[in-house]
Every structure is written in C-alpha cells, then in structure tokens.
PDB file of all heavy atoms in Angstrom:
ATOM      1  N   ASP A   1       5.020 -13.846 -54.069  1.00  0.00           N
ATOM      2  CA  ASP A   1       4.359 -15.000 -53.415  1.00  0.00           C
ATOM      3  C   ASP A   1       3.951 -14.688 -52.027  1.00  0.00           C
ATOM      4  O   ASP A   1       3.304 -15.549 -51.405  1.00  0.00           O
ATOM      5  CB  ASP A   1       5.417 -16.121 -53.361  1.00  0.00           C
ATOM      6  CG  ASP A   1       5.713 -16.726 -54.783  1.00  0.00           C
ATOM      7  OD1 ASP A   1       4.861 -16.550 -55.585  1.00  0.00           O
ATOM      8  OD2 ASP A   1       6.764 -17.295 -55.014  1.00  0.00           O
ATOM      9  N   ARG A   2       4.276 -13.592 -51.433  1.00  0.00           N
ATOM     10  CA  ARG A   2       3.880 -13.146 -50.127  1.00  0.00           C
ATOM     11  C   ARG A   2       2.554 -12.387 -50.063  1.00  0.00           C
ATOM     12  O   ARG A   2       2.186 -11.929 -49.009  1.00  0.00           O
ATOM     13  CB  ARG A   2       4.919 -12.293 -49.477  1.00  0.00           C
ATOM     14  CG  ARG A   2       6.313 -13.044 -49.250  1.00  0.00           C
ATOM     15  CD  ARG A   2       7.261 -12.215 -48.561  1.00  0.00           C
ATOM     16  NE  ARG A   2       8.452 -12.986 -48.274  1.00  0.00           N
ATOM     17  CZ  ARG A   2       9.557 -12.462 -47.547  1.00  0.00           C
ATOM     18  NH1 ARG A   2       9.377 -11.230 -46.993  1.00  0.00           N
ATOM     19  NH2 ARG A   2      10.594 -13.098 -47.365  1.00  0.00           N
ATOM     20  N   GLY A   3       1.845 -12.385 -51.133  1.00  0.00           N
ATOM     21  CA  GLY A   3       0.610 -11.673 -51.148  1.00  0.00           C
ATOM     22  C   GLY A   3       0.654 -10.256 -51.179  1.00  0.00           C
ATOM     23  O   GLY A   3      -0.242  -9.595 -50.683  1.00  0.00           O
ATOM     24  N   GLY A   4       1.728  -9.641 -51.645  1.00  0.00           N
ATOM     25  CA  GLY A   4       1.818  -8.179 -51.691  1.00  0.00           C
ATOM     26  C   GLY A   4       0.788  -7.629 -52.691  1.00  0.00           C
ATOM     27  O   GLY A   4       0.129  -8.347 -53.516  1.00  0.00           O
ATOM     28  N   SER A   5       0.716  -6.314 -52.687  1.00  0.00           N
ATOM     29  CA  SER A   5      -0.387  -5.707 -53.560  1.00  0.00           C
ATOM     30  C   SER A   5       0.182  -4.399 -54.133  1.00  0.00           C
ATOM     31  O   SER A   5       1.153  -3.910 -53.656  1.00  0.00           O
ATOM     32  CB  SER A   5      -1.713  -5.406 -52.749  1.00  0.00           C
ATOM     33  OG  SER A   5      -1.406  -4.531 -51.730  1.00  0.00           O
ATOM     34  N   GLN A   6      -0.594  -3.907 -55.035  1.00  0.00           N
ATOM     35  CA  GLN A   6      -0.160  -2.614 -55.826  1.00  0.00           C
ATOM     36  C   GLN A   6      -1.483  -1.851 -56.030  1.00  0.00           C
ATOM     37  O   GLN A   6      -2.230  -2.382 -56.798  1.00  0.00           O
ATOM     38  CB  GLN A   6       0.451  -2.972 -57.129  1.00  0.00           C
ATOM     39  CG  GLN A   6       1.070  -1.831 -57.794  1.00  0.00           C
ATOM     40  CD  GLN A   6       2.188  -1.229 -56.989  1.00  0.00           C
ATOM     41  OE1 GLN A   6       2.123  -0.312 -56.327  1.00  0.00           O
ATOM     42  NE2 GLN A   6       3.291  -1.888 -56.988  1.00  0.00           N
ATOM     43  N   PRO A   7      -1.689  -0.669 -55.376  1.00  0.00           N
ATOM     44  CA  PRO A   7      -0.609  -0.142 -54.428  1.00  0.00           C
ATOM     45  C   PRO A   7      -0.558  -0.915 -53.121  1.00  0.00           C
ATOM     46  O   PRO A   7      -1.551  -1.662 -52.765  1.00  0.00           O
ATOM     47  CB  PRO A   7      -1.295   1.260 -54.111  1.00  0.00           C
ATOM     48  CG  PRO A   7      -2.690   1.078 -54.389  1.00  0.00           C
ATOM     49  CD  PRO A   7      -2.884   0.080 -55.468  1.00  0.00           C
ATOM     50  N   PRO A   8       0.513  -0.769 -52.400  1.00  0.00           N
ATOM     51  CA  PRO A   8       0.639  -1.470 -51.140  1.00  0.00           C
ATOM     52  C   PRO A   8      -0.252  -1.115 -50.051  1.00  0.00           C
ATOM     53  O   PRO A   8      -0.881  -0.020 -50.051  1.00  0.00           O
ATOM     54  CB  PRO A   8       2.092  -1.190 -50.745  1.00  0.00           C
ATOM     55  CG  PRO A   8       2.422   0.227 -51.366  1.00  0.00           C
ATOM     56  CD  PRO A   8       1.611   0.154 -52.611  1.00  0.00           C
ATOM     57  N   LEU A   9      -0.602  -2.004 -49.230  1.00  0.00           N
ATOM     58  CA  LEU A   9      -1.494  -1.741 -48.035  1.00  0.00           C
ATOM     59  C   LEU A   9      -1.138  -0.602 -47.209  1.00  0.00           C
ATOM     60  O   LEU A   9      -1.928   0.150 -46.772  1.00  0.00           O
ATOM     61  CB  LEU A   9      -1.617  -2.964 -47.134  1.00  0.00           C
ATOM     62  CG  LEU A   9      -2.356  -4.216 -47.777  1.00  0.00           C
ATOM     63  CD1 LEU A   9      -2.382  -5.369 -46.717  1.00  0.00           C
ATOM     64  CD2 LEU A   9      -3.875  -3.847 -48.053  1.00  0.00           C
ATOM     65  N   SER A  10       0.164  -0.383 -47.066  1.00  0.00           N
ATOM     66  CA  SER A  10       0.643   0.799 -46.292  1.00  0.00           C
ATOM     67  C   SER A  10       0.189   2.107 -46.893  1.00  0.00           C
ATOM     68  O   SER A  10      -0.150   3.047 -46.135  1.00  0.00           O
ATOM     69  CB  SER A  10       2.177   0.708 -46.180  1.00  0.00           C
ATOM     70  OG  SER A  10       2.710   0.804 -47.529  1.00  0.00           O
ATOM     71  N   TRP A  11       0.001   2.199 -48.206  1.00  0.00           N
ATOM     72  CA  TRP A  11      -0.446   3.369 -48.841  1.00  0.00           C
ATOM     73  C   TRP A  11      -1.966   3.559 -48.517  1.00  0.00           C
ATOM     74  O   TRP A  11      -2.437   4.561 -48.277  1.00  0.00           O
ATOM     75  CB  TRP A  11      -0.279   3.347 -50.369  1.00  0.00           C
ATOM     76  CG  TRP A  11      -0.704   4.505 -51.163  1.00  0.00           C
ATOM     77  CD1 TRP A  11      -0.230   5.788 -51.333  1.00  0.00           C
ATOM     78  CD2 TRP A  11      -2.026   4.521 -51.844  1.00  0.00           C
ATOM     79  NE1 TRP A  11      -0.961   6.480 -52.097  1.00  0.00           N
ATOM     80  CE2 TRP A  11      -2.188   5.787 -52.397  1.00  0.00           C
ATOM     81  CE3 TRP A  11      -3.039   3.516 -51.950  1.00  0.00           C
ATOM     82  CZ2 TRP A  11      -3.248   6.180 -53.149  1.00  0.00           C
ATOM     83  CZ3 TRP A  11      -4.128   3.963 -52.703  1.00  0.00           C
ATOM     84  CH2 TRP A  11      -4.274   5.249 -53.186  1.00  0.00           C
ATOM     85  N   CYS A  12      -2.653   2.419 -48.610  1.00  0.00           N
ATOM     86  CA  CYS A  12      -4.151   2.444 -48.374  1.00  0.00           C
ATOM     87  C   CYS A  12      -4.432   2.980 -46.957  1.00  0.00           C
ATOM     88  O   CYS A  12      -5.425   3.606 -46.827  1.00  0.00           O
ATOM     89  CB  CYS A  12      -4.741   1.084 -48.529  1.00  0.00           C
ATOM     90  SG  CYS A  12      -4.399   0.279 -50.160  1.00  0.00           S
ATOM     91  N   PHE A  13      -3.567   2.714 -46.059  1.00  0.00           N
ATOM     92  CA  PHE A  13      -3.920   3.070 -44.570  1.00  0.00           C
ATOM     93  C   PHE A  13      -3.737   4.531 -44.410  1.00  0.00           C
ATOM     94  O   PHE A  13      -4.159   5.050 -43.284  1.00  0.00           O
ATOM     95  CB  PHE A  13      -3.044   2.250 -43.682  1.00  0.00           C
ATOM     96  CG  PHE A  13      -3.285   0.786 -43.728  1.00  0.00           C
ATOM     97  CD1 PHE A  13      -2.157  -0.132 -43.595  1.00  0.00           C
ATOM     98  CD2 PHE A  13      -4.541   0.240 -43.789  1.00  0.00           C
ATOM     99  CE1 PHE A  13      -2.543  -1.446 -43.674  1.00  0.00           C
ATOM    100  CE2 PHE A  13      -4.791  -1.106 -43.887  1.00  0.00           C
ATOM    101  CZ  PHE A  13      -3.709  -1.994 -43.677  1.00  0.00           C
ATOM    102  N   THR A  14      -3.026   5.352 -45.327  1.00  0.00           N
ATOM    103  CA  THR A  14      -2.783   6.600 -45.225  1.00  0.00           C
ATOM    104  C   THR A  14      -3.625   7.563 -46.106  1.00  0.00           C
ATOM    105  O   THR A  14      -3.370   8.797 -46.122  1.00  0.00           O
ATOM    106  CB  THR A  14      -1.291   6.996 -45.457  1.00  0.00           C
ATOM    107  OG1 THR A  14      -1.009   6.540 -46.787  1.00  0.00           O
ATOM    108  CG2 THR A  14      -0.424   6.122 -44.382  1.00  0.00           C
ATOM    109  N   LEU A  15      -4.734   6.973 -46.653  1.00  0.00           N
ATOM    110  CA  LEU A  15      -5.547   7.803 -47.565  1.00  0.00           C
ATOM    111  C   LEU A  15      -6.275   9.055 -46.785  1.00  0.00           C
ATOM    112  O   LEU A  15      -6.684   8.797 -45.630  1.00  0.00           O
ATOM    113  CB  LEU A  15      -6.684   6.955 -48.108  1.00  0.00           C
ATOM    114  CG  LEU A  15      -6.248   5.962 -49.228  1.00  0.00           C
ATOM    115  CD1 LEU A  15      -7.327   5.128 -49.669  1.00  0.00           C
ATOM    116  CD2 LEU A  15      -5.668   6.832 -50.452  1.00  0.00           C
ATOM    117  N   PRO A  16      -6.160  10.222 -47.252  1.00  0.00           N
ATOM    118  CA  PRO A  16      -6.670  11.427 -46.633  1.00  0.00           C
ATOM    119  C   PRO A  16      -8.167  11.580 -46.688  1.00  0.00           C
ATOM    120  O   PRO A  16      -8.611  12.626 -47.111  1.00  0.00           O
ATOM    121  CB  PRO A  16      -5.862  12.539 -47.233  1.00  0.00           C
ATOM    122  CG  PRO A  16      -5.723  12.120 -48.801  1.00  0.00           C
ATOM    123  CD  PRO A  16      -5.557  10.611 -48.663  1.00  0.00           C
ATOM    124  N   VAL A  17      -8.908  10.557 -46.329  1.00  0.00           N
ATOM    125  CA  VAL A  17     -10.308  10.696 -46.297  1.00  0.00           C
ATOM    126  C   VAL A  17     -10.858  10.126 -44.975  1.00  0.00           C
ATOM    127  O   VAL A  17     -10.122   9.231 -44.363  1.00  0.00           O
ATOM    128  CB  VAL A  17     -11.104   9.922 -47.528  1.00  0.00           C
ATOM    129  CG1 VAL A  17     -10.743  10.577 -48.792  1.00  0.00           C
ATOM    130  CG2 VAL A  17     -10.567   8.458 -47.480  1.00  0.00           C
ATOM    131  N   ARG A  18     -12.141  10.469 -44.658  1.00  0.00           N
ATOM    132  CA  ARG A  18     -12.501  10.083 -43.280  1.00  0.00           C
ATOM    133  C   ARG A  18     -12.798   8.489 -43.196  1.00  0.00           C
ATOM    134  O   ARG A  18     -12.483   7.890 -42.250  1.00  0.00           O
ATOM    135  CB  ARG A  18     -13.859  10.790 -43.037  1.00  0.00           C
ATOM    136  CG  ARG A  18     -14.448  10.554 -41.636  1.00  0.00           C
ATOM    137  CD  ARG A  18     -15.741  11.289 -41.510  1.00  0.00           C
ATOM    138  NE  ARG A  18     -16.400  10.896 -40.195  1.00  0.00           N
ATOM    139  CZ  ARG A  18     -17.654  11.090 -39.937  1.00  0.00           C
ATOM    140  NH1 ARG A  18     -18.375  11.582 -40.861  1.00  0.00           N
ATOM    141  NH2 ARG A  18     -18.066  10.754 -38.749  1.00  0.00           N
ATOM    142  N   HIS A  19     -13.443   7.954 -44.270  1.00  0.00           N
ATOM    143  CA  HIS A  19     -13.761   6.632 -44.197  1.00  0.00           C
ATOM    144  C   HIS A  19     -13.130   5.832 -45.238  1.00  0.00           C
ATOM    145  O   HIS A  19     -13.031   6.227 -46.444  1.00  0.00           O
ATOM    146  CB  HIS A  19     -15.277   6.422 -44.332  1.00  0.00           C
ATOM    147  CG  HIS A  19     -16.201   7.054 -43.518  1.00  0.00           C
ATOM    148  ND1 HIS A  19     -16.228   6.781 -42.093  1.00  0.00           N
ATOM    149  CD2 HIS A  19     -17.201   8.065 -43.608  1.00  0.00           C
ATOM    150  CE1 HIS A  19     -17.049   7.560 -41.469  1.00  0.00           C
ATOM    151  NE2 HIS A  19     -17.698   8.342 -42.423  1.00  0.00           N
ATOM    152  N   VAL A  20     -12.472   4.705 -44.880  1.00  0.00           N
ATOM    153  CA  VAL A  20     -11.656   3.836 -45.781  1.00  0.00           C
ATOM    154  C   VAL A  20     -12.027   2.444 -45.535  1.00  0.00           C
ATOM    155  O   VAL A  20     -12.018   1.943 -44.439  1.00  0.00           O
ATOM    156  CB  VAL A  20     -10.153   4.107 -45.665  1.00  0.00           C
ATOM    157  CG1 VAL A  20      -9.349   3.224 -46.584  1.00  0.00           C
ATOM    158  CG2 VAL A  20      -9.751   5.555 -45.787  1.00  0.00           C
ATOM    159  N   ALA A  21     -12.299   1.720 -46.617  1.00  0.00           N
ATOM    160  CA  ALA A  21     -12.377   0.235 -46.586  1.00  0.00           C
ATOM    161  C   ALA A  21     -11.398  -0.323 -47.701  1.00  0.00           C
ATOM    162  O   ALA A  21     -11.271   0.138 -48.796  1.00  0.00           O
ATOM    163  CB  ALA A  21     -13.685  -0.173 -46.849  1.00  0.00           C
ATOM    164  N   VAL A  22     -10.691  -1.423 -47.285  1.00  0.00           N
ATOM    165  CA  VAL A  22      -9.729  -2.031 -48.230  1.00  0.00           C
ATOM    166  C   VAL A  22      -9.887  -3.476 -48.251  1.00  0.00           C
ATOM    167  O   VAL A  22     -10.033  -4.201 -47.172  1.00  0.00           O
ATOM    168  CB  VAL A  22      -8.262  -1.823 -47.473  1.00  0.00           C
ATOM    169  CG1 VAL A  22      -7.206  -2.315 -48.577  1.00  0.00           C
ATOM    170  CG2 VAL A  22      -7.931  -0.329 -47.277  1.00  0.00           C
ATOM    171  N   LYS A  23     -10.030  -3.979 -49.493  1.00  0.00           N
ATOM    172  CA  LYS A  23     -10.199  -5.439 -49.675  1.00  0.00           C
ATOM    173  C   LYS A  23      -8.924  -6.082 -49.664  1.00  0.00           C
ATOM    174  O   LYS A  23      -7.844  -5.455 -50.161  1.00  0.00           O
ATOM    175  CB  LYS A  23     -10.775  -5.662 -51.044  1.00  0.00           C
ATOM    176  CG  LYS A  23     -10.963  -7.093 -51.493  1.00  0.00           C
ATOM    177  CD  LYS A  23     -11.559  -7.262 -52.791  1.00  0.00           C
ATOM    178  CE  LYS A  23     -11.608  -8.690 -53.358  1.00  0.00           C
ATOM    179  NZ  LYS A  23     -12.084  -8.899 -54.745  1.00  0.00           N
ATOM    180  N   ALA A  24      -8.687  -7.203 -48.939  1.00  0.00           N
ATOM    181  CA  ALA A  24      -7.355  -7.689 -48.773  1.00  0.00           C
ATOM    182  C   ALA A  24      -7.576  -9.353 -48.913  1.00  0.00           C
ATOM    183  O   ALA A  24      -8.647  -9.911 -48.705  1.00  0.00           O
ATOM    184  CB  ALA A  24      -6.711  -7.436 -47.429  1.00  0.00           C
ATOM    185  N   ALA A  25      -6.412  -9.966 -49.141  1.00  0.00           N
ATOM    186  CA  ALA A  25      -6.428 -11.380 -49.045  1.00  0.00           C
ATOM    187  C   ALA A  25      -6.686 -11.917 -47.629  1.00  0.00           C
ATOM    188  O   ALA A  25      -6.133 -11.351 -46.713  1.00  0.00           O
ATOM    189  CB  ALA A  25      -5.042 -11.938 -49.561  1.00  0.00           C
ATOM    190  N   PRO A  26      -7.429 -13.035 -47.546  1.00  0.00           N
ATOM    191  CA  PRO A  26      -7.744 -13.515 -46.235  1.00  0.00           C
ATOM    192  C   PRO A  26      -6.524 -14.029 -45.426  1.00  0.00           C
ATOM    193  O   PRO A  26      -6.596 -14.122 -44.202  1.00  0.00           O
ATOM    194  CB  PRO A  26      -8.700 -14.680 -46.502  1.00  0.00           C
ATOM    195  CG  PRO A  26      -8.389 -15.035 -47.896  1.00  0.00           C
ATOM    196  CD  PRO A  26      -7.958 -13.899 -48.661  1.00  0.00           C
ATOM    197  N   GLY A  27      -5.413 -14.360 -46.104  1.00  0.00           N
ATOM    198  CA  GLY A  27      -4.209 -14.735 -45.465  1.00  0.00           C
ATOM    199  C   GLY A  27      -3.236 -13.647 -45.064  1.00  0.00           C
ATOM    200  O   GLY A  27      -2.088 -13.912 -44.748  1.00  0.00           O
ATOM    201  N   LEU A  28      -3.656 -12.369 -45.071  1.00  0.00           N
ATOM    202  CA  LEU A  28      -2.809 -11.339 -44.856  1.00  0.00           C
ATOM    203  C   LEU A  28      -2.261 -11.351 -43.442  1.00  0.00           C
ATOM    204  O   LEU A  28      -2.812 -11.926 -42.554  1.00  0.00           O
ATOM    205  CB  LEU A  28      -3.560  -9.938 -45.151  1.00  0.00           C
ATOM    206  CG  LEU A  28      -4.327  -9.402 -43.849  1.00  0.00           C
ATOM    207  CD1 LEU A  28      -4.431  -7.863 -43.998  1.00  0.00           C
ATOM    208  CD2 LEU A  28      -5.665  -9.993 -43.583  1.00  0.00           C
ATOM    209  N   ASP A  29      -1.022 -10.811 -43.336  1.00  0.00           N
ATOM    210  CA  ASP A  29      -0.345 -10.712 -42.045  1.00  0.00           C
ATOM    211  C   ASP A  29      -1.088  -9.693 -41.136  1.00  0.00           C
ATOM    212  O   ASP A  29      -1.083  -8.484 -41.481  1.00  0.00           O
ATOM    213  CB  ASP A  29       1.084 -10.346 -42.248  1.00  0.00           C
ATOM    214  CG  ASP A  29       1.796 -10.205 -40.906  1.00  0.00           C
ATOM    215  OD1 ASP A  29       1.265 -10.378 -39.836  1.00  0.00           O
ATOM    216  OD2 ASP A  29       3.087  -9.803 -40.967  1.00  0.00           O
ATOM    217  N   LEU A  30      -1.673 -10.076 -40.097  1.00  0.00           N
ATOM    218  CA  LEU A  30      -2.472  -9.163 -39.244  1.00  0.00           C
ATOM    219  C   LEU A  30      -1.695  -8.046 -38.639  1.00  0.00           C
ATOM    220  O   LEU A  30      -2.176  -7.007 -38.330  1.00  0.00           O
ATOM    221  CB  LEU A  30      -3.280  -9.893 -38.222  1.00  0.00           C
ATOM    222  CG  LEU A  30      -4.126 -11.049 -38.660  1.00  0.00           C
ATOM    223  CD1 LEU A  30      -5.109 -11.605 -37.524  1.00  0.00           C
ATOM    224  CD2 LEU A  30      -5.112 -10.463 -39.754  1.00  0.00           C
TER     225      LEU A  30
END
C-alpha cells in the first residue's frame, strides 16, 4: 500500500548507463 515497485526505485537509480529515466507514481516520497 505504500506504492513500492518491482524492481525497487533504489535499483533503478544505480543502473550503469549514462542516461536513465524512471516512471514513478506521482505520490512518491521525494
């Protein structure tokens, strides 16, 4: 119910590529 995702956002932030864009729920914890 907390809007978690699979894979988690923390994994998305560490992708080994130069440019990354991540779609997220608008209510995410900033």
